[in-house]
Amino acid sequence: MREIVFDTETTGFDPKGGHRMVEIGCVELFNRMPTGAVFHAYFDPERDMPAEAEAVHGLSVAFLTGKPKFVEQAQDLIAFLGEAPLIAHNAAFDFGFLNAELAAASMTPVSLDRMIDTIAIARRKHPGAKLSLDALCSRYGIDRSHRTKHGALLDAELLAQLYIELMGGRQIGLELAADAVAGADAGAMPAHSGLTIAPRPFRAARLHRPSDAELARHETFMAGFGDPLWTRG
């Protein structure tokens, strides 16, 4: 099963107010395991960057000016996303900006049926707990010491680790891989997944019953111990 974990950085909170997406980072999972395939891009928002937003992600107008516009990268992004479920933290926010940018580029929005929100998953597992990415990474022992500011690709990589833990840890990947061997067509796995699972022939269990000759040799061997402890009452 192929899934995409993604995160965005923006100029503000609401695309309906003229705010734009300035960065997106996507991480590919296959059977809940990272494959190493990523998509990462910065976008020129063609507008100013509010100071409060820059303080969060550190992306200035000077840095973003001259970067590709979203419409110039949109086809590559959509090709990477494919038809996979899309996982994000507070996913309605990221889907809102992604679909606003796609609409502005006269492209079909991504269906909300594909949305998986890790905050909703975490809320069910840990009711009443803090649900920020930082707090949940701390809960699950995920190292975020290199995260000094928000960054779309870095946060997507952290979120991928968190999602795996929320869904049962890395053991789930082994279980899904075993299922693929037992019942799925291994040749249907995408080549970029990095996984190759070959079906194994069935082998019946071998009986481990000693022969009469083996029992006789064992009896002779045991007789050589003289007065062993296990024969004393």
Protein backbone atom coordinates (compact mmCIF):
# COMPACT_ATOMS: atom_id res chain seq x y z
CA MET A 1 0.00 0.00 0.00
CA ARG A 2 1.45 3.33 -1.11
CA GLU A 3 0.82 6.45 1.02
CA ILE A 4 2.16 10.01 0.92
CA VAL A 5 2.91 12.05 4.05
CA PHE A 6 3.08 15.76 3.33
CA ASP A 7 3.38 19.18 4.94
CA THR A 8 3.10 22.75 3.69
CA GLU A 9 4.39 26.18 4.69
CA THR A 10 2.35 29.25 3.83
CA THR A 11 2.15 33.03 4.12
CA GLY A 12 -0.76 32.79 6.56
CA PHE A 13 -3.74 30.81 7.78
CA ASP A 14 -6.43 31.23 5.12
CA PRO A 15 -6.10 30.86 1.33
CA LYS A 16 -9.45 32.64 0.95
CA GLY A 17 -7.75 35.74 2.38
CA GLY A 18 -5.12 35.74 -0.36
CA HIS A 19 -2.50 33.70 1.46
CA ARG A 20 -0.34 31.33 -0.56
CA MET A 21 1.59 28.11 -0.16
CA VAL A 22 5.35 28.71 -0.30
CA GLU A 23 6.74 25.22 0.36
CA ILE A 24 5.61 21.61 0.18
CA GLY A 25 7.40 18.46 1.30
CA CYS A 26 6.16 14.93 0.54
CA VAL A 27 7.49 11.57 1.76
CA GLU A 28 6.52 8.28 0.17
CA LEU A 29 5.62 5.26 2.32
CA PHE A 30 5.06 1.75 1.09
CA ASN A 31 3.49 -0.67 3.57
CA ARG A 32 4.06 2.03 6.21
CA MET A 33 7.81 2.11 5.55
CA PRO A 34 9.69 5.08 4.00
CA THR A 35 11.00 4.27 0.54
CA GLY A 36 13.41 7.23 0.32
CA ALA A 37 11.37 8.88 -2.45
CA VAL A 38 10.44 12.50 -1.70
CA PHE A 39 9.06 15.58 -3.44
CA HIS A 40 10.15 19.01 -2.19
CA ALA A 41 9.64 22.45 -3.68
CA TYR A 42 9.60 26.14 -2.78
CA PHE A 43 7.21 28.51 -4.54
CA ASP A 44 7.29 32.22 -5.26
CA PRO A 45 4.04 33.46 -3.67
CA GLU A 46 4.05 36.70 -5.66
CA ARG A 47 3.08 38.63 -2.54
CA ASP A 48 4.58 39.82 0.74
CA MET A 49 5.53 37.55 3.65
CA PRO A 50 3.98 38.57 6.97
CA ALA A 51 6.56 38.80 9.76
CA GLU A 52 4.68 36.33 11.97
CA ALA A 53 4.72 33.70 9.23
CA GLU A 54 8.41 34.25 8.48
CA ALA A 55 9.15 33.83 12.19
CA VAL A 56 7.65 30.32 12.02
CA HIS A 57 9.35 28.94 8.91
CA GLY A 58 12.13 31.43 8.16
CA LEU A 59 11.18 31.84 4.47
CA SER A 60 11.60 35.44 3.40
CA VAL A 61 10.41 37.24 0.29
CA ALA A 62 14.04 37.67 -0.73
CA PHE A 63 14.58 33.89 -0.58
CA LEU A 64 11.35 32.98 -2.38
CA THR A 65 11.47 35.60 -5.15
CA GLY A 66 12.57 33.90 -8.36
CA LYS A 67 11.60 30.41 -7.17
CA PRO A 68 9.20 28.55 -9.50
CA LYS A 69 5.55 29.47 -9.22
CA PHE A 70 3.19 26.73 -8.07
CA VAL A 71 1.67 26.28 -11.51
CA GLU A 72 5.14 25.51 -12.91
CA GLN A 73 5.63 22.61 -10.48
CA ALA A 74 2.03 21.43 -10.22
CA GLN A 75 2.19 18.61 -12.78
CA ASP A 76 5.30 17.10 -11.17
CA LEU A 77 3.65 17.31 -7.75
CA ILE A 78 0.43 15.64 -8.91
CA ALA A 79 2.43 12.91 -10.64
CA PHE A 80 4.28 12.20 -7.39
CA LEU A 81 1.09 12.13 -5.33
CA GLY A 82 -0.59 9.73 -7.75
CA GLU A 83 -3.76 8.23 -6.29
CA ALA A 84 -2.26 7.50 -2.87
CA PRO A 85 -3.91 8.44 0.44
CA LEU A 86 -2.47 11.74 1.71
CA ILE A 87 -1.44 12.08 5.35
CA ALA A 88 -0.96 15.42 7.10
CA HIS A 89 -1.04 16.88 10.61
CA ASN A 90 -4.14 19.06 10.90
CA ALA A 91 -4.81 17.88 7.38
CA ALA A 92 -7.70 20.25 6.62
CA PHE A 93 -5.23 23.15 6.69
CA ASP A 94 -2.79 21.55 4.23
CA PHE A 95 -5.55 20.26 1.95
CA GLY A 96 -7.11 23.71 1.94
CA PHE A 97 -3.94 25.35 0.66
CA LEU A 98 -3.09 22.54 -1.76
CA ASN A 99 -6.54 22.63 -3.34
CA ALA A 100 -6.58 26.43 -3.45
CA GLU A 101 -3.32 26.39 -5.40
CA LEU A 102 -4.61 23.68 -7.73
CA ALA A 103 -7.79 25.64 -8.36
CA ALA A 104 -5.77 28.79 -9.12
CA ALA A 105 -3.79 26.71 -11.62
CA SER A 106 -7.06 25.50 -13.23
CA MET A 107 -6.36 21.94 -12.07
CA THR A 108 -8.62 19.38 -10.40
CA PRO A 109 -8.57 19.59 -6.59
CA VAL A 110 -7.47 16.57 -4.57
CA SER A 111 -10.42 14.62 -3.19
CA LEU A 112 -10.93 14.95 0.56
CA ASP A 113 -11.67 11.22 0.57
CA ARG A 114 -7.91 10.74 0.38
CA MET A 115 -7.27 12.76 3.54
CA ILE A 116 -5.79 11.12 6.65
CA ASP A 117 -5.34 13.46 9.61
CA THR A 118 -2.75 12.39 12.18
CA ILE A 119 -4.21 14.79 14.74
CA ALA A 120 -7.52 12.89 14.56
CA ILE A 121 -5.66 9.57 14.97
CA ALA A 122 -3.64 10.92 17.91
CA ARG A 123 -6.75 12.36 19.57
CA ARG A 124 -8.40 8.94 19.55
CA LYS A 125 -5.29 7.24 20.94
CA HIS A 126 -4.40 9.92 23.50
CA PRO A 127 -7.52 11.86 24.52
CA GLY A 128 -6.68 15.01 26.44
CA ALA A 129 -2.99 14.94 25.50
CA LYS A 130 -1.10 17.67 23.64
CA LEU A 131 -1.39 16.99 19.92
CA SER A 132 1.26 19.25 18.37
CA LEU A 133 3.90 17.57 16.22
CA ASP A 134 6.55 18.45 18.80
CA ALA A 135 4.53 17.00 21.69
CA LEU A 136 3.74 13.78 19.86
CA CYS A 137 7.33 13.32 18.70
CA SER A 138 8.39 13.62 22.35
CA ARG A 139 5.76 11.06 23.38
CA TYR A 140 7.05 8.53 20.86
CA GLY A 141 10.77 9.27 21.29
CA ILE A 142 11.23 10.69 17.78
CA ASP A 143 14.35 12.87 17.56
CA ARG A 144 13.53 16.41 16.49
CA SER A 145 16.68 18.10 17.84
CA HIS A 146 17.51 19.35 14.33
CA ARG A 147 14.16 21.13 14.00
CA THR A 148 14.83 24.77 14.84
CA LYS A 149 12.09 26.15 12.57
CA HIS A 150 9.19 24.65 10.67
CA GLY A 151 10.16 23.23 7.28
CA ALA A 152 7.82 21.30 5.00
CA LEU A 153 10.14 18.41 4.10
CA LEU A 154 11.64 18.09 7.59
CA ASP A 155 8.19 18.14 9.18
CA ALA A 156 6.90 15.58 6.65
CA GLU A 157 9.81 13.29 7.53
CA LEU A 158 9.06 13.64 11.25
CA LEU A 159 5.37 13.13 10.61
CA ALA A 160 6.08 9.97 8.62
CA GLN A 161 7.85 8.52 11.66
CA LEU A 162 5.00 9.62 13.92
CA TYR A 163 2.35 8.16 11.61
CA ILE A 164 4.13 4.80 11.61
CA GLU A 165 4.15 4.82 15.42
CA LEU A 166 0.51 5.89 15.66
CA MET A 167 -0.46 3.01 13.39
CA GLY A 168 1.36 0.42 15.46
CA GLY A 169 5.06 0.94 14.85
CA ARG A 170 7.37 -0.58 12.27
CA GLN A 171 6.05 -4.08 12.98
CA ILE A 172 3.02 -3.19 10.86
CA GLY A 173 5.29 -2.98 7.82
CA LEU A 174 6.49 -6.53 8.41
CA GLU A 175 2.92 -7.78 8.75
CA LEU A 176 1.86 -6.09 5.51
CA ALA A 177 4.91 -7.44 3.71
CA ALA A 178 4.00 -10.95 4.89
CA ASP A 179 0.46 -10.46 3.62
CA ALA A 180 1.88 -9.43 0.26
CA VAL A 181 3.86 -12.68 0.07
CA ALA A 182 0.89 -14.80 1.09
CA GLY A 183 -1.82 -13.33 -1.09
CA ALA A 184 -0.78 -10.38 -3.24
CA ASP A 185 0.95 -10.20 -6.56
CA ALA A 186 4.51 -9.17 -5.66
CA GLY A 187 5.03 -7.97 -9.22
CA ALA A 188 2.37 -5.29 -8.68
CA MET A 189 4.56 -3.35 -6.25
CA PRO A 190 5.87 -0.07 -7.65
CA ALA A 191 9.47 -0.23 -8.76
CA HIS A 192 10.37 2.88 -6.77
CA SER A 193 9.19 1.31 -3.51
CA GLY A 194 12.57 -0.37 -3.03
CA LEU A 195 10.89 -3.60 -1.85
CA THR A 196 11.26 -6.94 -3.61
CA ILE A 197 9.25 -9.81 -2.14
CA ALA A 198 9.57 -13.19 -3.82
CA PRO A 199 7.00 -15.93 -3.10
CA ARG A 200 8.42 -18.92 -1.24
CA PRO A 201 7.43 -22.54 -1.93
CA PHE A 202 5.36 -24.28 0.74
CA ARG A 203 7.29 -26.83 2.79
CA ALA A 204 5.46 -29.22 5.08
CA ALA A 205 6.75 -29.59 8.64
CA ARG A 206 9.30 -32.41 9.06
CA LEU A 207 8.65 -34.96 11.79
CA HIS A 208 11.40 -35.09 14.42
CA ARG A 209 10.99 -38.69 15.68
CA PRO A 210 14.18 -40.58 16.65
CA SER A 211 14.82 -43.93 15.01
CA ASP A 212 15.41 -47.13 17.01
CA ALA A 213 19.14 -46.90 16.25
CA GLU A 214 19.28 -43.30 17.53
CA LEU A 215 17.48 -44.30 20.74
CA ALA A 216 19.95 -47.17 21.29
CA ARG A 217 22.96 -44.87 20.82
CA HIS A 218 21.43 -42.38 23.25
CA GLU A 219 20.90 -45.09 25.88
CA THR A 220 24.52 -46.23 25.55
CA PHE A 221 25.74 -42.62 25.82
CA MET A 222 23.69 -41.97 28.97
CA ALA A 223 24.95 -45.18 30.64
CA GLY A 224 28.48 -43.77 30.57
CA PHE A 225 27.69 -41.08 33.19
CA GLY A 226 27.99 -43.45 36.16
CA ASP A 227 25.98 -41.85 38.99
CA PRO A 228 24.29 -38.80 37.38
CA LEU A 229 22.40 -36.30 39.55
CA TRP A 230 19.16 -36.72 37.65
CA THR A 231 18.85 -40.38 38.78
CA ARG A 232 19.00 -39.53 42.48
CA GLY A 233 15.69 -39.35 44.39
